[in-house]
Protein backbone atom coordinates (compact mmCIF):
# COMPACT_ATOMS: atom_id res chain seq x y z
CA MET A 1 -29.51 13.31 -19.71
CA SER A 2 -30.93 13.44 -16.16
CA ILE A 3 -31.57 16.68 -14.30
CA VAL A 4 -28.65 15.92 -12.02
CA ALA A 5 -26.28 15.30 -14.94
CA ILE A 6 -27.36 18.57 -16.56
CA GLY A 7 -26.72 20.34 -13.28
CA LEU A 8 -23.26 18.84 -13.14
CA VAL A 9 -22.42 20.06 -16.62
CA LEU A 10 -23.56 23.59 -15.83
CA ALA A 11 -21.73 23.58 -12.52
CA LEU A 12 -18.41 22.62 -14.02
CA THR A 13 -18.83 25.02 -16.92
CA ASN A 14 -19.31 27.91 -14.54
CA LEU A 15 -16.89 26.60 -11.90
CA LEU A 16 -19.54 27.28 -9.30
CA VAL A 17 -20.07 23.83 -7.88
CA THR A 18 -21.80 23.66 -4.54
CA ALA A 19 -22.41 20.60 -2.44
CA THR A 20 -26.12 20.60 -3.15
CA THR A 21 -25.76 20.76 -6.94
CA VAL A 22 -23.25 17.96 -7.23
CA LEU A 23 -25.46 15.17 -5.98
CA LYS A 24 -29.11 15.36 -5.01
CA PRO A 25 -30.32 13.02 -2.29
CA ARG A 26 -32.58 11.30 -4.82
CA VAL A 27 -30.59 10.19 -7.83
CA THR A 28 -31.57 7.50 -10.28
CA LEU A 29 -29.20 7.23 -13.21
CA ALA A 30 -26.15 9.08 -14.46
CA ASN A 31 -26.40 9.16 -18.24
CA SER A 32 -22.66 9.45 -18.67
CA PRO A 33 -20.54 8.45 -21.66
CA VAL A 34 -18.00 7.20 -19.13
CA ASP A 35 -20.10 4.71 -17.16
CA ALA A 36 -23.69 4.33 -18.32
CA ILE A 37 -24.74 2.51 -15.18
CA ASP A 38 -27.25 2.90 -12.41
CA PRO A 39 -24.94 3.50 -9.44
CA PHE A 40 -27.72 2.56 -7.04
CA ALA A 41 -28.75 -0.67 -8.71
CA PHE A 42 -28.67 -2.75 -5.52
CA ASP A 43 -30.45 -2.38 -2.19
CA PRO A 44 -27.95 -2.55 0.69
CA GLY A 45 -30.70 -2.48 3.32
CA PHE A 46 -30.75 1.30 3.79
CA ASP A 47 -31.33 4.43 1.71
CA ILE A 48 -27.94 4.79 0.05
CA GLN A 49 -29.06 7.75 -2.07
CA SER A 50 -29.82 9.81 1.02
CA VAL A 51 -26.52 8.74 2.57
CA ALA A 52 -24.73 9.87 -0.59
CA GLY A 53 -26.50 13.21 -0.59
CA LEU A 54 -25.20 13.98 2.90
CA ALA A 55 -21.76 12.62 1.99
CA ILE A 56 -21.40 15.44 -0.52
CA SER A 57 -23.09 18.25 1.39
CA LEU A 58 -21.31 17.83 4.75
CA PRO A 59 -17.53 17.99 4.00
CA SER A 60 -15.65 21.18 4.85
CA HIS A 61 -12.01 20.09 5.27
CA SER A 62 -9.40 18.99 2.75
CA TRP A 63 -9.33 15.31 3.71
CA GLU A 64 -13.11 15.21 3.65
CA PHE A 65 -13.12 16.69 0.14
CA GLY A 66 -10.59 14.07 -0.96
CA THR A 67 -12.59 11.23 0.58
CA ALA A 68 -15.79 12.49 -1.02
CA SER A 69 -14.09 12.76 -4.42
CA GLU A 70 -12.95 9.16 -4.16
CA ALA A 71 -16.37 7.99 -3.01
CA LEU A 72 -18.04 9.76 -5.94
CA LEU A 73 -15.62 8.20 -8.39
CA GLU A 74 -16.17 4.67 -7.11
CA LEU A 75 -19.92 5.21 -6.96
CA TRP A 76 -20.62 6.87 -10.32
CA ASN A 77 -17.64 6.06 -12.54
CA PRO A 78 -16.06 2.79 -11.44
CA SER A 79 -14.13 2.41 -14.70
CA LEU A 80 -12.10 5.50 -13.79
CA SER A 81 -11.55 4.46 -10.19
CA ILE A 82 -8.52 2.42 -9.32
CA PHE A 83 -10.80 -0.60 -9.00
CA GLY A 84 -11.72 -0.42 -12.67
CA SER A 85 -10.28 -3.08 -14.96
CA GLU A 86 -8.15 -0.57 -16.90
CA PRO A 87 -8.40 2.78 -15.10
CA PHE A 88 -5.41 4.42 -16.75
CA GLN A 89 -6.50 3.42 -20.24
CA ALA A 90 -10.01 4.66 -19.45
CA ALA A 91 -8.58 8.05 -18.50
CA VAL A 92 -6.46 8.18 -21.66
CA SER A 93 -9.48 7.51 -23.84
CA LEU A 94 -11.40 10.31 -22.13
CA SER A 95 -8.59 12.79 -22.58
CA ARG A 96 -9.42 12.92 -26.27
CA ASP A 97 -12.56 14.83 -25.34
CA PRO A 98 -11.94 17.14 -22.35
CA LEU A 99 -15.63 18.08 -22.15
CA VAL A 100 -16.33 14.54 -20.97
CA ALA A 101 -14.97 15.58 -17.58
CA MET A 102 -18.19 17.52 -17.14
CA SER A 103 -20.11 14.24 -16.86
CA VAL A 104 -17.92 12.82 -14.09
CA PRO A 105 -19.43 13.88 -10.73
CA SER A 106 -16.21 13.24 -8.83
CA LEU A 107 -14.21 15.57 -11.06
CA VAL A 108 -16.89 18.25 -10.98
CA TYR A 109 -16.82 18.10 -7.21
CA ALA A 110 -13.02 18.02 -6.89
CA GLN A 111 -12.56 20.88 -9.36
CA ALA A 112 -14.55 23.11 -7.04
CA LYS A 113 -12.76 21.98 -3.88
CA ILE A 114 -9.15 22.20 -5.06
CA VAL A 115 -7.72 25.56 -4.05
CA LEU A 116 -4.15 25.94 -5.26
CA GLY A 117 -1.50 27.10 -2.85
CA THR A 118 2.13 26.45 -1.97
CA GLY A 119 4.16 24.20 0.29
CA ALA A 120 2.01 21.78 2.23
CA ASN A 121 -1.13 23.42 0.85
CA VAL A 122 -0.57 22.91 -2.89
CA LEU A 123 -4.00 21.36 -3.53
CA ALA A 124 -5.95 22.66 -0.53
CA ASP A 125 -5.54 24.17 2.91
CA GLY A 126 -4.36 21.26 5.00
CA ASP A 127 -4.61 23.18 8.28
CA GLY A 128 -1.19 21.98 9.38
CA ALA A 129 -1.46 18.48 7.89
CA VAL A 130 0.98 17.16 5.30
CA GLY A 131 -1.14 14.33 3.97
CA ASP A 132 -4.65 15.75 3.86
CA PRO A 133 -4.32 17.93 0.71
CA ALA A 134 -2.82 14.93 -1.10
CA SER A 135 -6.15 13.13 -0.74
CA LEU A 136 -7.25 15.30 -3.69
CA GLY A 137 -4.22 14.22 -5.70
CA VAL A 138 -5.80 11.50 -7.82
CA SER A 139 -8.61 13.89 -8.75
CA ALA A 140 -6.02 16.51 -9.71
CA VAL A 141 -4.20 14.01 -11.92
CA LEU A 142 -7.44 13.05 -13.66
CA LEU A 143 -8.47 16.68 -14.13
CA GLY A 144 -5.07 17.48 -15.54
CA LYS A 145 -5.35 14.62 -18.01
CA ILE A 146 -9.03 14.54 -18.93
CA ALA A 147 -9.82 18.24 -18.72
CA GLY A 148 -6.41 19.27 -20.06
CA ASN A 149 -5.77 21.51 -17.06
CA GLU A 150 -2.07 22.39 -17.28
CA THR A 151 -2.22 24.34 -14.02
CA LEU A 152 -3.32 21.23 -12.19
CA LYS A 153 -0.63 19.16 -13.86
CA ASP A 154 1.92 21.56 -12.44
CA ALA A 155 0.22 21.44 -9.03
CA VAL A 156 0.43 17.66 -8.99
CA GLU A 157 4.18 17.86 -9.58
CA ARG A 158 4.55 20.40 -6.78
CA GLU A 159 2.44 18.30 -4.41
CA THR A 160 4.64 15.29 -5.09
CA GLU A 161 7.79 17.36 -4.63
CA TYR A 162 6.61 18.69 -1.27
CA LEU A 163 5.71 15.24 0.05
CA LEU A 164 9.05 13.75 -0.93
CA MET A 165 11.40 16.64 -0.23
CA GLY A 166 9.64 19.34 1.77
CA ALA A 167 7.77 17.53 4.53
CA PRO A 168 9.41 16.62 7.85
CA ARG A 169 10.50 13.03 8.35
CA PHE A 170 10.18 10.74 11.35
CA TRP A 171 13.35 9.15 12.71
CA ASN A 172 12.87 6.06 10.54
CA GLY A 173 12.34 8.07 7.34
CA ALA A 174 8.54 8.04 7.27
CA ILE A 175 6.97 11.23 5.92
CA SER A 176 5.35 13.17 8.75
CA HIS A 177 1.63 13.80 8.74
CA ARG A 178 2.22 17.15 10.39
CA VAL A 179 3.92 20.17 8.84
CA ASP A 180 5.59 21.69 11.90
CA TYR A 181 6.91 18.56 13.59
CA ALA A 182 7.53 14.91 12.78
CA GLU A 183 4.50 12.85 13.77
CA LEU A 184 2.92 9.75 12.25
CA TRP A 185 -0.85 9.35 11.99
CA ALA A 186 -2.53 6.25 10.59
CA ASP A 187 -4.76 8.63 8.62
CA PHE A 188 -1.81 9.61 6.41
CA VAL A 189 -1.66 6.18 4.80
CA TYR A 190 -5.01 6.77 3.10
CA MET A 191 -4.20 10.34 2.08
CA ALA A 192 -0.77 10.39 0.46
CA PRO A 193 0.44 6.91 -0.61
CA PRO A 194 -2.52 6.20 -2.93
CA PHE A 195 -1.91 9.51 -4.70
CA LEU A 196 1.84 8.91 -4.97
CA ALA A 197 1.30 5.38 -6.28
CA TYR A 198 -1.27 6.57 -8.83
CA TYR A 199 1.03 9.34 -10.02
CA ALA A 200 3.96 6.91 -10.16
CA VAL A 201 2.09 4.66 -12.58
CA GLU A 202 0.75 7.66 -14.51
CA THR A 203 4.32 8.88 -15.08
CA SER A 204 5.95 5.41 -15.32
CA ASN A 205 8.13 6.29 -12.35
CA SER A 206 9.24 3.01 -10.77
CA TRP A 207 11.36 4.82 -8.18
CA LEU A 208 8.33 6.76 -6.91
CA LEU A 209 6.30 3.57 -6.77
CA GLN A 210 8.98 1.94 -4.67
CA GLN A 211 9.11 4.96 -2.35
CA THR A 212 5.35 4.73 -1.89
CA VAL A 213 5.47 1.09 -0.85
CA GLU A 214 8.37 1.82 1.49
CA GLN A 215 6.43 4.63 3.15
CA CYS A 216 3.58 2.24 3.93
CA GLY A 217 6.09 -0.14 5.49
CA LEU A 218 7.74 2.63 7.51
CA TYR A 219 4.35 3.65 8.91
CA ARG A 220 3.57 0.04 9.82
CA GLU A 221 6.95 -0.26 11.53
CA ILE A 222 6.01 2.51 13.94
CA LEU A 223 2.25 2.24 14.31
CA GLN A 224 1.53 -1.49 14.42
CA LYS A 225 0.75 -2.21 18.06
CA ASN A 226 3.36 -4.33 19.81
CA VAL A 227 1.35 -7.04 21.52
CA SER A 228 1.80 -10.72 22.20
CA SER A 229 1.20 -13.16 19.36
CA MET A 230 -1.54 -14.60 21.56
CA THR A 231 -3.47 -11.32 21.56
CA SER A 232 -6.60 -11.75 19.46
CA TYR A 233 -6.36 -8.35 17.83
CA LYS A 234 -2.66 -8.58 16.96
CA GLY A 235 -1.94 -6.77 13.70
CA LEU A 236 -3.94 -3.63 14.47
CA TRP A 237 -2.34 -0.19 14.52
CA GLU A 238 -2.05 2.57 17.06
CA HIS A 239 -3.39 5.92 15.94
CA ILE A 240 -0.64 8.52 16.40
CA ILE A 241 3.01 8.40 17.47
CA GLY A 242 4.74 11.72 17.95
CA PRO A 243 5.54 14.60 20.30
CA VAL A 244 2.26 16.54 20.23
CA ASN A 245 -0.84 14.42 19.53
CA GLN A 246 0.29 10.96 20.60
CA ASP A 247 -2.54 8.42 20.79
CA THR A 248 -1.50 4.82 21.30
CA GLY A 249 -5.06 3.58 21.27
CA VAL A 250 -6.28 1.17 18.60
CA TRP A 251 -8.61 3.61 16.89
CA SER A 252 -11.11 1.93 14.59
CA THR A 253 -11.13 4.68 11.96
CA GLY A 254 -7.32 4.93 12.02
CA ASN A 255 -7.04 1.23 11.25
CA ALA A 256 -9.63 1.66 8.51
CA TRP A 257 -7.69 4.58 7.00
CA ALA A 258 -4.55 2.43 6.95
CA ALA A 259 -6.22 -0.68 5.53
CA ALA A 260 -7.93 1.41 2.83
CA VAL A 261 -4.53 2.14 1.31
CA LEU A 262 -5.59 -0.71 -0.97
CA LYS A 263 -7.43 1.87 -3.07
CA ALA A 264 -4.18 2.28 -4.95
CA PRO A 265 -0.93 0.41 -4.28
CA PRO A 266 -1.92 -3.29 -4.18
CA HIS A 267 -4.09 -2.99 -7.27
CA ILE A 268 -2.04 -0.75 -9.52
CA THR A 269 1.24 -2.52 -8.75
CA LEU A 270 -0.27 -5.90 -9.50
CA THR A 271 1.59 -6.35 -12.78
CA ARG A 272 4.62 -4.30 -11.83
CA ARG A 273 6.00 -5.44 -8.47
CA ASP A 274 4.77 -8.79 -7.23
CA ASP A 275 6.81 -8.53 -4.03
CA ALA A 276 5.37 -5.10 -3.27
CA VAL A 277 1.85 -6.39 -3.84
CA SER A 278 2.48 -9.32 -1.51
CA GLU A 279 3.76 -7.02 1.22
CA LEU A 280 0.93 -4.55 0.96
CA THR A 281 -1.65 -7.31 0.80
CA GLN A 282 -0.19 -8.91 3.92
CA TRP A 283 -0.24 -5.59 5.81
CA ILE A 284 -3.89 -5.04 4.92
CA LYS A 285 -4.67 -8.64 5.90
CA GLU A 286 -3.05 -8.12 9.30
CA ILE A 287 -5.45 -5.27 10.06
CA LEU A 288 -8.54 -7.11 8.86
CA ASP A 289 -7.53 -10.29 10.66
CA GLY A 290 -6.91 -8.36 13.88
CA ALA A 291 -10.41 -6.88 13.73
CA ILE A 292 -12.02 -10.21 12.80
CA ARG A 293 -10.11 -12.37 15.30
CA GLY A 294 -10.66 -9.81 18.02
CA LYS A 295 -14.40 -9.57 17.42
CA ASP A 296 -15.24 -10.60 20.97
CA ILE A 297 -13.51 -7.41 22.07
CA ALA A 298 -13.79 -5.20 18.97
CA LEU A 299 -17.56 -5.50 18.52
CA ALA A 300 -19.62 -3.32 20.84
CA PRO A 301 -22.98 -4.49 22.21
CA ASN A 302 -24.77 -2.58 19.41
CA GLY A 303 -22.99 -4.74 16.81
CA LEU A 304 -20.78 -1.95 15.45
CA LEU A 305 -17.01 -1.88 15.79
CA ARG A 306 -15.80 0.04 18.81
CA ASN A 307 -14.36 3.52 18.38
CA TYR A 308 -11.25 2.14 20.07
CA LEU A 309 -11.23 -1.50 19.12
CA ASP A 310 -9.48 -2.73 22.26
CA ASP A 311 -11.26 -0.52 24.79
CA VAL A 312 -13.69 -2.47 26.94
CA SER A 313 -12.94 -0.46 30.06
CA GLY A 314 -16.27 1.32 30.10
CA ASP A 315 -14.60 4.73 30.07
CA GLY A 316 -16.71 5.84 27.10
CA HIS A 317 -14.07 5.48 24.38
CA GLY A 318 -15.15 2.01 23.30
CA PHE A 319 -18.65 2.75 22.04
CA GLY A 320 -19.76 1.13 18.79
CA GLU A 321 -19.70 3.62 15.93
CA THR A 322 -20.43 3.74 12.23
CA SER A 323 -17.38 5.40 10.61
CA GLY A 324 -14.64 2.86 11.24
CA THR A 325 -17.18 0.06 10.82
CA ALA A 326 -18.17 1.17 7.32
CA LEU A 327 -14.66 1.78 6.01
CA LEU A 328 -13.28 -1.52 7.31
CA ALA A 329 -16.25 -3.32 5.77
CA SER A 330 -15.51 -1.61 2.45
CA VAL A 331 -11.93 -2.88 2.58
CA SER A 332 -13.10 -6.41 3.24
CA TYR A 333 -15.46 -6.30 0.25
CA ARG A 334 -12.70 -4.95 -1.99
CA VAL A 335 -10.02 -7.48 -1.11
CA VAL A 336 -12.18 -10.52 -1.81
CA VAL A 337 -12.59 -9.24 -5.36
CA LEU A 338 -9.02 -8.02 -5.87
CA ARG A 339 -7.24 -10.97 -4.25
CA PRO A 340 -9.76 -13.83 -4.15
CA ASN A 341 -7.04 -16.45 -3.80
CA ILE A 342 -6.05 -14.95 -0.44
CA PHE A 343 -9.24 -13.47 0.98
CA TYR A 344 -11.82 -15.80 -0.54
CA ALA A 345 -9.85 -19.01 -1.15
CA ASP A 346 -11.38 -18.84 -4.61
CA GLY A 347 -14.81 -19.52 -3.19
CA SER A 348 -14.15 -21.89 -0.31
CA ASP A 349 -13.69 -19.35 2.51
CA ARG A 350 -16.35 -16.70 3.12
CA THR A 351 -14.85 -15.30 6.33
CA TYR A 352 -14.19 -11.82 4.97
CA VAL A 353 -17.45 -11.65 2.99
CA ASP A 354 -19.54 -12.82 5.91
CA TRP A 355 -17.81 -10.41 8.30
CA ALA A 356 -18.42 -7.46 5.98
CA ASP A 357 -22.01 -8.56 5.37
CA GLY A 358 -22.63 -8.67 9.09
CA LEU A 359 -21.28 -5.15 9.55
CA ARG A 360 -23.30 -3.84 6.59
CA LYS A 361 -26.53 -5.30 7.94
CA THR A 362 -25.83 -3.86 11.38
CA LEU A 363 -25.03 -0.47 9.84
CA ALA A 364 -28.40 -0.53 8.14
CA GLU A 365 -29.97 -0.42 11.59
CA HIS A 366 -27.97 2.73 12.39
CA ILE A 367 -28.86 4.85 9.37
CA THR A 368 -31.72 7.26 9.90
CA ALA A 369 -34.53 8.05 7.49
CA ASN A 370 -32.63 11.07 6.16
CA GLY A 371 -29.50 9.00 5.54
CA THR A 372 -27.43 9.92 8.60
CA ALA A 373 -25.10 7.18 9.84
CA SER A 374 -25.22 7.32 13.62
CA PRO A 375 -23.64 7.10 16.12
CA ALA A 376 -20.27 8.08 14.68
CA VAL A 377 -17.04 9.19 16.25
CA ASN A 378 -16.65 12.97 16.40
CA PRO A 379 -14.74 13.59 13.14
CA LEU A 380 -12.74 16.42 14.71
CA ASN A 381 -12.10 14.83 18.11
CA TRP A 382 -11.51 11.09 18.14
CA SER A 383 -11.20 11.05 21.94
CA ASP A 384 -14.64 12.57 22.46
CA THR A 385 -16.80 10.12 24.41
CA THR A 386 -19.98 11.84 23.24
CA GLN A 387 -21.45 9.88 20.36
CA TYR A 388 -21.74 12.03 17.22
CA THR A 389 -25.22 12.01 15.70
CA ALA A 390 -25.25 15.06 13.41
CA GLY A 391 -23.66 13.24 10.46
CA SER A 392 -19.90 12.76 10.11
CA PRO A 393 -18.62 14.06 6.74
CA GLU A 394 -16.00 11.33 6.46
CA GLY A 395 -18.32 8.75 8.00
CA GLN A 396 -21.04 9.37 5.42
CA ASN A 397 -18.50 8.86 2.66
CA PHE A 398 -17.24 5.67 4.27
CA VAL A 399 -20.76 4.29 3.96
CA VAL A 400 -20.77 5.25 0.27
CA LEU A 401 -17.41 3.54 -0.18
CA MET A 402 -18.78 0.45 1.54
CA TYR A 403 -21.83 0.43 -0.69
CA ALA A 404 -19.75 0.81 -3.88
CA ALA A 405 -17.44 -2.01 -2.77
CA TRP A 406 -20.39 -4.27 -1.92
CA ARG A 407 -22.12 -3.42 -5.21
CA ASP A 408 -18.99 -4.31 -7.18
CA CYS A 409 -18.62 -7.48 -5.15
CA LYS A 410 -22.20 -8.36 -6.11
CA ILE A 411 -21.43 -7.68 -9.76
CA ALA A 412 -18.40 -9.97 -9.47
CA GLU A 413 -20.79 -12.65 -8.13
CA ILE A 414 -18.79 -13.10 -4.94
CA CYS A 415 -21.18 -11.35 -2.55
């Protein structure tokens, strides 16, 4: 067992996980009974191990913890991630030996970051957000099953109950992303629906699965930008609609959050609701196609996607940045593997692969020697025109998600 793996075991045993003990910047191989793989087997053109080290050490907010937990799972234990061939069966097999959870970096990390509360803060302090604590939901489900944590099983039920019955609703029935008023943020689609869909399959709850798909549709109904069919970037979403934080701009990271909903619903409903899969796939395709078709506008001079994809005004909001670029590239890599008949034409159309490859290669030029992806959008102020160079917690994890998606695409012999 590697030094890092030993550290993970000790950390979980003592429930004293810190960011620096979960994942060292220089990692070689996780000797895990879950996935005995080298997570860094391929060279993406930059130092992914250093990127991953910062991805774990930088987060300090609930949604960042949830994003990091997902990134760790896809990176180290792909069989347990929703992109594994049989993720639910893999979790069932592990539940026979709860100590195995100690060898899963994602669960070690999430265990330390989940702080149980009530109401909107069941799994973490959401700081006024409905969806953000739910980003830790899949981790909580896995910990409840694999580690036999009954307290977390109860918390998962309470989190689900709050989302469905306690949170405010927008006029069309969409669950609000804010606790104190009804407001829709594109970010929500990455936070809550994947958890609800995962839990729906885990509990064989077809009604909950249907509600999850409907919520994605209700968000699209409000946030998809109303532009002419002749507009090159048609299909992209506005960021926020609501009474307090309204932002009708086409924010790159917001569109990436929404498109990355694929980390659960389209895949896990594949054998359960063909119509739901078709809808969700189409909605994801609309976002990717808007970014690809609109490349003459969406791509900044530095080759990265603009912070606001449609902003070429020169007002400072349209600078090319790494966060939205990395997450949208990760989505493109995932869909060609999950739905090759649609996004790859079974080998005859490389549009989505080539687009993602181009973004990945450009990103490589914007990752420093210590693994910092820069420039990024300010993770706490999307309207900030000052380019963020200190390392975005979510942005670092988006790069890890992109790498894991590209690696799996390579393994599938598509990339």
